[in-house]
Amino acid sequence: DKLERLVMSQFSLRRATMLDAHSLQENCLSDQSLAQVKDRLRWCLSEREKGRLLCLVAEVDGQTVAIGQLAIHQDEGEIGSLIVAPAYRRQGIGTALVQALIERAQQQRLHSLEITASVTRPWIRAWYERLGFTYLCEHDFRDERVALLTMDLQEDPR
């Protein structure tokens, strides 16, 4: 139903907190235990305190339905751990999350960003390219082959 989809797509983005653990486990990380999700969030918050990580979530009707993070390595950033709950995909939430992380990287004056996508999901790579990332290469990461994409955040020197 069109009206239901419109209502479902109203979301807000904010920094992750420990209070997101239950919703994240239920909606986005159901393959992990609640304890694992809490450990992950504790790590994210600890890294944020050190200025090395920003973790954002998307919320719909009080439920956390997406997560993404920006890791900061000196003057470079890496967007990762991007997960949108299946029921909330293709509604602009992931795009808004990636765009917010790009904006934060620009505010931090990072020179470049990178992101990876599994080669078994070419539509993810294409989506990142539509968001402004450029394909660089493929490499093995853990147990899978991934495409590495980058984005230059430097001002045009003209």
Protein backbone atom coordinates (compact mmCIF):
# COMPACT_ATOMS: atom_id res chain seq x y z
CA ASP A 1 0.00 0.00 0.00
CA LYS A 2 1.39 3.38 -1.08
CA LEU A 3 0.33 5.25 2.09
CA GLU A 4 1.88 2.57 4.34
CA ARG A 5 5.17 2.77 2.41
CA LEU A 6 5.17 6.56 2.75
CA VAL A 7 4.63 6.36 6.50
CA MET A 8 7.27 3.63 6.86
CA SER A 9 9.87 5.73 5.08
CA GLN A 10 9.77 8.56 7.65
CA PHE A 11 12.97 8.12 9.60
CA SER A 12 15.55 10.04 11.56
CA LEU A 13 19.32 9.61 11.72
CA ARG A 14 21.28 9.99 14.96
CA ARG A 15 24.33 8.72 16.80
CA ALA A 16 24.10 5.16 18.11
CA THR A 17 23.71 4.59 21.85
CA MET A 18 23.61 1.49 24.03
CA LEU A 19 19.82 1.84 24.05
CA ASP A 20 19.83 0.73 20.39
CA ALA A 21 21.07 -2.78 21.22
CA HIS A 22 17.69 -4.55 21.40
CA SER A 23 16.29 -2.99 18.21
CA LEU A 24 19.53 -3.54 16.30
CA GLN A 25 19.68 -7.18 17.34
CA GLU A 26 16.05 -7.74 16.42
CA ASN A 27 15.97 -5.80 13.14
CA CYS A 28 19.49 -5.73 11.68
CA LEU A 29 21.78 -8.19 13.46
CA SER A 30 19.53 -11.18 14.16
CA ASP A 31 22.43 -13.55 13.44
CA GLN A 32 24.17 -12.19 16.56
CA SER A 33 23.24 -12.54 20.21
CA LEU A 34 22.15 -9.52 22.21
CA ALA A 35 25.42 -9.76 24.15
CA GLN A 36 27.40 -9.60 20.88
CA VAL A 37 25.43 -6.56 19.72
CA LYS A 38 26.03 -4.84 23.07
CA ASP A 39 29.75 -5.62 22.82
CA ARG A 40 29.80 -4.15 19.30
CA LEU A 41 28.05 -0.99 20.48
CA ARG A 42 30.38 -0.64 23.49
CA TRP A 43 33.35 -0.87 21.11
CA CYS A 44 31.79 1.73 18.76
CA LEU A 45 31.17 4.13 21.63
CA SER A 46 34.69 3.62 22.97
CA GLU A 47 36.20 4.31 19.53
CA ARG A 48 33.97 7.40 19.21
CA GLU A 49 35.37 8.71 22.51
CA LYS A 50 38.86 8.38 20.98
CA GLY A 51 37.78 10.26 17.84
CA ARG A 52 38.28 7.21 15.63
CA LEU A 53 34.71 6.19 14.77
CA LEU A 54 31.26 7.60 14.19
CA CYS A 55 28.34 5.20 14.34
CA LEU A 56 24.95 6.41 13.10
CA VAL A 57 21.59 4.67 13.22
CA ALA A 58 18.26 5.24 11.51
CA GLU A 59 15.11 5.13 13.57
CA VAL A 60 11.51 4.58 12.49
CA ASP A 61 8.71 4.74 15.06
CA GLY A 62 11.12 4.21 17.95
CA GLN A 63 12.77 1.19 16.31
CA THR A 64 16.40 1.21 15.19
CA VAL A 65 16.26 -0.11 11.61
CA ALA A 66 19.71 0.67 10.17
CA ILE A 67 23.30 1.22 11.21
CA GLY A 68 26.45 2.50 9.53
CA GLN A 69 29.83 3.66 10.67
CA LEU A 70 32.66 5.92 9.61
CA ALA A 71 36.10 4.82 10.78
CA ILE A 72 38.73 7.56 10.79
CA HIS A 73 42.35 6.71 9.99
CA GLN A 74 44.33 9.98 10.12
CA ASP A 75 43.13 11.85 7.01
CA GLU A 76 41.23 8.95 5.44
CA GLY A 77 37.88 7.43 6.28
CA GLU A 78 36.19 4.10 5.74
CA ILE A 79 32.45 3.58 5.68
CA GLY A 80 31.47 0.15 6.90
CA SER A 81 29.07 -2.06 8.80
CA LEU A 82 26.19 -0.63 6.78
CA ILE A 83 23.06 -2.65 7.46
CA VAL A 84 19.43 -1.76 6.77
CA ALA A 85 16.73 -4.06 8.14
CA PRO A 86 15.20 -6.05 5.25
CA ALA A 87 11.69 -4.59 5.76
CA TYR A 88 13.09 -1.05 5.41
CA ARG A 89 15.29 -1.44 2.34
CA ARG A 90 14.72 0.53 -0.89
CA GLN A 91 13.15 3.44 1.01
CA GLY A 92 16.13 5.81 0.99
CA ILE A 93 17.37 5.00 4.48
CA GLY A 94 20.69 3.48 3.36
CA THR A 95 21.30 6.36 0.95
CA ALA A 96 20.61 8.93 3.66
CA LEU A 97 22.91 7.05 6.06
CA VAL A 98 25.80 6.92 3.56
CA GLN A 99 25.29 10.58 2.63
CA ALA A 100 25.32 11.59 6.32
CA LEU A 101 28.56 9.66 6.84
CA ILE A 102 30.09 11.35 3.77
CA GLU A 103 29.07 14.74 5.18
CA ARG A 104 30.67 13.90 8.53
CA ALA A 105 33.86 12.86 6.73
CA GLN A 106 33.90 16.20 4.92
CA GLN A 107 33.33 18.05 8.21
CA GLN A 108 36.30 16.13 9.65
CA ARG A 109 38.34 17.38 6.65
CA LEU A 110 39.22 13.85 5.59
CA HIS A 111 40.98 13.58 2.22
CA SER A 112 39.27 10.42 0.99
CA LEU A 113 36.79 7.69 1.81
CA GLU A 114 36.70 4.03 0.95
CA ILE A 115 33.98 1.43 1.08
CA THR A 116 33.81 -2.23 0.06
CA ALA A 117 31.11 -4.34 -1.54
CA SER A 118 31.00 -8.09 -1.98
CA VAL A 119 31.57 -9.07 -5.62
CA THR A 120 28.63 -11.48 -5.24
CA ARG A 121 26.37 -8.42 -4.93
CA PRO A 122 27.12 -6.24 -7.97
CA TRP A 123 24.02 -4.10 -7.32
CA ILE A 124 25.63 -2.86 -4.07
CA ARG A 125 28.72 -1.73 -5.98
CA ALA A 126 26.50 0.02 -8.54
CA TRP A 127 24.60 1.76 -5.73
CA TYR A 128 27.86 3.02 -4.18
CA GLU A 129 28.93 4.27 -7.60
CA ARG A 130 25.64 6.19 -7.93
CA LEU A 131 26.44 7.77 -4.55
CA GLY A 132 29.76 9.07 -5.93
CA PHE A 133 32.27 6.31 -5.16
CA THR A 134 34.70 5.12 -7.85
CA TYR A 135 35.70 1.47 -8.33
CA LEU A 136 39.39 0.92 -7.60
CA CYS A 137 40.07 -2.83 -7.48
CA GLU A 138 39.05 -6.20 -6.09
CA HIS A 139 40.77 -8.05 -3.26
CA ASP A 140 40.18 -10.81 -0.75
CA PHE A 141 38.86 -9.76 2.64
CA ARG A 142 38.37 -12.45 5.25
CA ASP A 143 36.58 -15.22 3.36
CA GLU A 144 35.18 -13.25 0.45
CA ARG A 145 36.14 -11.28 -2.62
CA VAL A 146 35.27 -7.59 -2.35
CA ALA A 147 35.31 -4.57 -4.62
CA LEU A 148 37.09 -1.55 -3.15
CA LEU A 149 35.59 1.82 -4.02
CA THR A 150 36.94 5.25 -3.12
CA MET A 151 35.79 8.85 -3.00
CA ASP A 152 38.11 11.84 -3.13
CA LEU A 153 36.97 14.51 -0.67
CA GLN A 154 39.65 17.08 -1.55
CA GLU A 155 38.59 20.41 -2.92
CA ASP A 156 39.29 20.85 -6.62
CA PRO A 157 42.54 22.89 -6.65
CA ARG A 158 41.41 25.10 -9.58
